Amino acid sequence: MVKENKNLSNQIESILFDETNLNVLKNSINSLSKGTLAPKVVKEQIIEFRLNAVQEIVKLFNFYHRQLTTATSLDKYTENTINNQLEQDLFEKNDFLEDVGKRIQNIHTKLKNKLKINP
């Protein structure tokens, strides 16, 4: 889980600090400081890049949510399957022990009758 959190953190960091977007913003800010670009254009770029970053993060979280849901479902299925198998094994062993107990009782009764032992 710690590794997954670190991986998620790295993916979010790569989305937020995308080198391509940062270089475009850097060039836009340089152009703004030289007066060759309007402030409105830089604001629009910042908003567009942040919006794209948020959309990518939402996609990433949706992916992680689906993965966790699938993993949880598999865990529950596996747990139920194992529990059902154990329960079936217990019933089979219980039936076997009942059969063994009846056989022992029959042998005891036969020996008692053969030896004519009274309890």
C-alpha atoms as a PDB file:
ATOM      1  CA  MET A   1       0.000   0.000   0.000  1.00  0.00           C
ATOM      2  CA  VAL A   2       2.896   2.368   0.781  1.00  0.00           C
ATOM      3  CA  LYS A   3       4.387   1.625  -2.635  1.00  0.00           C
ATOM      4  CA  GLU A   4       1.026   2.317  -4.292  1.00  0.00           C
ATOM      5  CA  ASN A   5       0.729   5.648  -2.426  1.00  0.00           C
ATOM      6  CA  LYS A   6       4.239   6.608  -3.508  1.00  0.00           C
ATOM      7  CA  ASN A   7       3.427   5.616  -7.086  1.00  0.00           C
ATOM      8  CA  LEU A   8       0.206   7.645  -6.980  1.00  0.00           C
ATOM      9  CA  SER A   9       2.084  10.596  -5.530  1.00  0.00           C
ATOM     10  CA  ASN A  10       4.689  10.387  -8.307  1.00  0.00           C
ATOM     11  CA  GLN A  11       1.989  10.241 -10.969  1.00  0.00           C
ATOM     12  CA  ILE A  12       0.191  13.270  -9.535  1.00  0.00           C
ATOM     13  CA  GLU A  13       3.493  15.130  -9.344  1.00  0.00           C
ATOM     14  CA  SER A  14       4.262  14.331 -12.984  1.00  0.00           C
ATOM     15  CA  ILE A  15       0.821  15.629 -13.989  1.00  0.00           C
ATOM     16  CA  LEU A  16       1.095  18.848 -11.980  1.00  0.00           C
ATOM     17  CA  PHE A  17       4.672  19.597 -12.963  1.00  0.00           C
ATOM     18  CA  ASP A  18       4.623  18.555 -16.606  1.00  0.00           C
ATOM     19  CA  GLU A  19       7.849  19.861 -18.149  1.00  0.00           C
ATOM     20  CA  THR A  20       6.207  20.725 -21.469  1.00  0.00           C
ATOM     21  CA  ASN A  21       3.529  22.870 -19.841  1.00  0.00           C
ATOM     22  CA  LEU A  22       6.032  24.506 -17.496  1.00  0.00           C
ATOM     23  CA  ASN A  23       8.312  25.421 -20.418  1.00  0.00           C
ATOM     24  CA  VAL A  24       5.383  26.922 -22.328  1.00  0.00           C
ATOM     25  CA  LEU A  25       4.418  28.960 -19.256  1.00  0.00           C
ATOM     26  CA  LYS A  26       8.025  30.056 -18.742  1.00  0.00           C
ATOM     27  CA  ASN A  27       8.249  31.261 -22.338  1.00  0.00           C
ATOM     28  CA  SER A  28       4.878  33.003 -22.019  1.00  0.00           C
ATOM     29  CA  ILE A  29       5.974  34.797 -18.846  1.00  0.00           C
ATOM     30  CA  ASN A  30       9.205  35.861 -20.551  1.00  0.00           C
ATOM     31  CA  SER A  31       7.163  37.173 -23.476  1.00  0.00           C
ATOM     32  CA  LEU A  32       4.837  38.924 -21.029  1.00  0.00           C
ATOM     33  CA  SER A  33       7.778  40.631 -19.304  1.00  0.00           C
ATOM     34  CA  LYS A  34       9.068  41.817 -22.707  1.00  0.00           C
ATOM     35  CA  GLY A  35       5.620  43.136 -23.552  1.00  0.00           C
ATOM     36  CA  THR A  36       5.101  40.888 -26.559  1.00  0.00           C
ATOM     37  CA  LEU A  37       2.273  38.924 -24.962  1.00  0.00           C
ATOM     38  CA  ALA A  38      -0.889  40.130 -23.238  1.00  0.00           C
ATOM     39  CA  PRO A  39      -1.490  39.212 -19.571  1.00  0.00           C
ATOM     40  CA  LYS A  40      -4.850  37.766 -20.542  1.00  0.00           C
ATOM     41  CA  VAL A  41      -3.148  35.130 -22.738  1.00  0.00           C
ATOM     42  CA  VAL A  42      -0.861  34.045 -19.887  1.00  0.00           C
ATOM     43  CA  LYS A  43      -3.830  33.795 -17.508  1.00  0.00           C
ATOM     44  CA  GLU A  44      -5.716  31.695 -20.056  1.00  0.00           C
ATOM     45  CA  GLN A  45      -2.712  29.381 -20.477  1.00  0.00           C
ATOM     46  CA  ILE A  46      -2.351  28.950 -16.718  1.00  0.00           C
ATOM     47  CA  ILE A  47      -6.060  28.199 -16.360  1.00  0.00           C
ATOM     48  CA  GLU A  48      -5.990  25.791 -19.327  1.00  0.00           C
ATOM     49  CA  PHE A  49      -2.951  23.907 -18.003  1.00  0.00           C
ATOM     50  CA  ARG A  50      -4.420  23.669 -14.489  1.00  0.00           C
ATOM     51  CA  LEU A  51      -7.754  22.508 -15.900  1.00  0.00           C
ATOM     52  CA  ASN A  52      -6.008  19.809 -17.929  1.00  0.00           C
ATOM     53  CA  ALA A  53      -4.033  18.773 -14.840  1.00  0.00           C
ATOM     54  CA  VAL A  54      -7.211  18.470 -12.760  1.00  0.00           C
ATOM     55  CA  GLN A  55      -8.876  16.422 -15.511  1.00  0.00           C
ATOM     56  CA  GLU A  56      -5.877  14.075 -15.679  1.00  0.00           C
ATOM     57  CA  ILE A  57      -5.872  13.685 -11.889  1.00  0.00           C
ATOM     58  CA  VAL A  58      -9.604  12.896 -11.908  1.00  0.00           C
ATOM     59  CA  LYS A  59      -8.979  10.224 -14.574  1.00  0.00           C
ATOM     60  CA  LEU A  60      -6.158   8.851 -12.454  1.00  0.00           C
ATOM     61  CA  PHE A  61      -8.357   8.672  -9.350  1.00  0.00           C
ATOM     62  CA  ASN A  62     -11.141   7.007 -11.330  1.00  0.00           C
ATOM     63  CA  PHE A  63      -8.622   4.423 -12.512  1.00  0.00           C
ATOM     64  CA  TYR A  64      -7.378   3.827  -8.960  1.00  0.00           C
ATOM     65  CA  HIS A  65     -10.955   3.585  -7.697  1.00  0.00           C
ATOM     66  CA  ARG A  66     -11.785   0.925 -10.309  1.00  0.00           C
ATOM     67  CA  GLN A  67      -8.608  -0.978  -9.427  1.00  0.00           C
ATOM     68  CA  LEU A  68      -9.384  -0.907  -5.700  1.00  0.00           C
ATOM     69  CA  THR A  69     -12.988  -1.950  -6.327  1.00  0.00           C
ATOM     70  CA  THR A  70     -11.826  -4.848  -8.482  1.00  0.00           C
ATOM     71  CA  ALA A  71      -9.211  -5.895  -5.931  1.00  0.00           C
ATOM     72  CA  THR A  72     -11.756  -5.704  -3.102  1.00  0.00           C
ATOM     73  CA  SER A  73     -14.254  -7.756  -5.095  1.00  0.00           C
ATOM     74  CA  LEU A  74     -11.610 -10.376  -5.830  1.00  0.00           C
ATOM     75  CA  ASP A  75     -10.617 -10.487  -2.162  1.00  0.00           C
ATOM     76  CA  LYS A  76     -14.232 -10.980  -1.105  1.00  0.00           C
ATOM     77  CA  TYR A  77     -14.764 -13.659  -3.757  1.00  0.00           C
ATOM     78  CA  THR A  78     -11.576 -15.455  -2.752  1.00  0.00           C
ATOM     79  CA  GLU A  79     -12.457 -15.198   0.934  1.00  0.00           C
ATOM     80  CA  ASN A  80     -15.970 -16.537   0.311  1.00  0.00           C
ATOM     81  CA  THR A  81     -14.613 -19.340  -1.859  1.00  0.00           C
ATOM     82  CA  ILE A  82     -12.097 -20.348   0.802  1.00  0.00           C
ATOM     83  CA  ASN A  83     -14.736 -20.156   3.545  1.00  0.00           C
ATOM     84  CA  ASN A  84     -17.153 -22.238   1.485  1.00  0.00           C
ATOM     85  CA  GLN A  85     -14.450 -24.813   0.795  1.00  0.00           C
ATOM     86  CA  LEU A  86     -13.524 -25.000   4.495  1.00  0.00           C
ATOM     87  CA  GLU A  87     -17.176 -25.324   5.454  1.00  0.00           C
ATOM     88  CA  GLN A  88     -17.663 -28.133   2.940  1.00  0.00           C
ATOM     89  CA  ASP A  89     -14.541 -29.905   4.222  1.00  0.00           C
ATOM     90  CA  LEU A  90     -15.821 -29.634   7.795  1.00  0.00           C
ATOM     91  CA  PHE A  91     -19.196 -31.115   6.825  1.00  0.00           C
ATOM     92  CA  GLU A  92     -17.489 -34.008   5.023  1.00  0.00           C
ATOM     93  CA  LYS A  93     -15.208 -34.713   7.984  1.00  0.00           C
ATOM     94  CA  ASN A  94     -18.156 -34.478  10.372  1.00  0.00           C
ATOM     95  CA  ASP A  95     -20.100 -37.018   8.280  1.00  0.00           C
ATOM     96  CA  PHE A  96     -17.053 -39.286   8.215  1.00  0.00           C
ATOM     97  CA  LEU A  97     -16.689 -39.063  12.004  1.00  0.00           C
ATOM     98  CA  GLU A  98     -20.392 -39.890  12.442  1.00  0.00           C
ATOM     99  CA  ASP A  99     -19.940 -42.983  10.242  1.00  0.00           C
ATOM    100  CA  VAL A 100     -16.859 -44.025  12.216  1.00  0.00           C
ATOM    101  CA  GLY A 101     -18.763 -43.499  15.483  1.00  0.00           C
ATOM    102  CA  LYS A 102     -21.665 -45.677  14.258  1.00  0.00           C
ATOM    103  CA  ARG A 103     -19.264 -48.418  13.175  1.00  0.00           C
ATOM    104  CA  ILE A 104     -17.483 -48.326  16.520  1.00  0.00           C
ATOM    105  CA  GLN A 105     -20.858 -48.502  18.280  1.00  0.00           C
ATOM    106  CA  ASN A 106     -21.823 -51.517  16.132  1.00  0.00           C
ATOM    107  CA  ILE A 107     -18.508 -53.236  16.880  1.00  0.00           C
ATOM    108  CA  HIS A 108     -18.950 -52.486  20.585  1.00  0.00           C
ATOM    109  CA  THR A 109     -22.479 -53.886  20.553  1.00  0.00           C
ATOM    110  CA  LYS A 110     -21.385 -57.049  18.695  1.00  0.00           C
ATOM    111  CA  LEU A 111     -18.484 -57.613  21.091  1.00  0.00           C
ATOM    112  CA  LYS A 112     -20.718 -57.018  24.069  1.00  0.00           C
ATOM    113  CA  ASN A 113     -23.280 -59.523  22.747  1.00  0.00           C
ATOM    114  CA  LYS A 114     -20.596 -62.034  21.793  1.00  0.00           C
ATOM    115  CA  LEU A 115     -18.918 -61.823  25.170  1.00  0.00           C
ATOM    116  CA  LYS A 116     -22.260 -61.351  26.945  1.00  0.00           C
ATOM    117  CA  ILE A 117     -21.000 -58.441  28.992  1.00  0.00           C
ATOM    118  CA  ASN A 118     -23.606 -56.487  30.906  1.00  0.00           C
ATOM    119  CA  PRO A 119     -22.850 -52.872  31.648  1.00  0.00           C
END
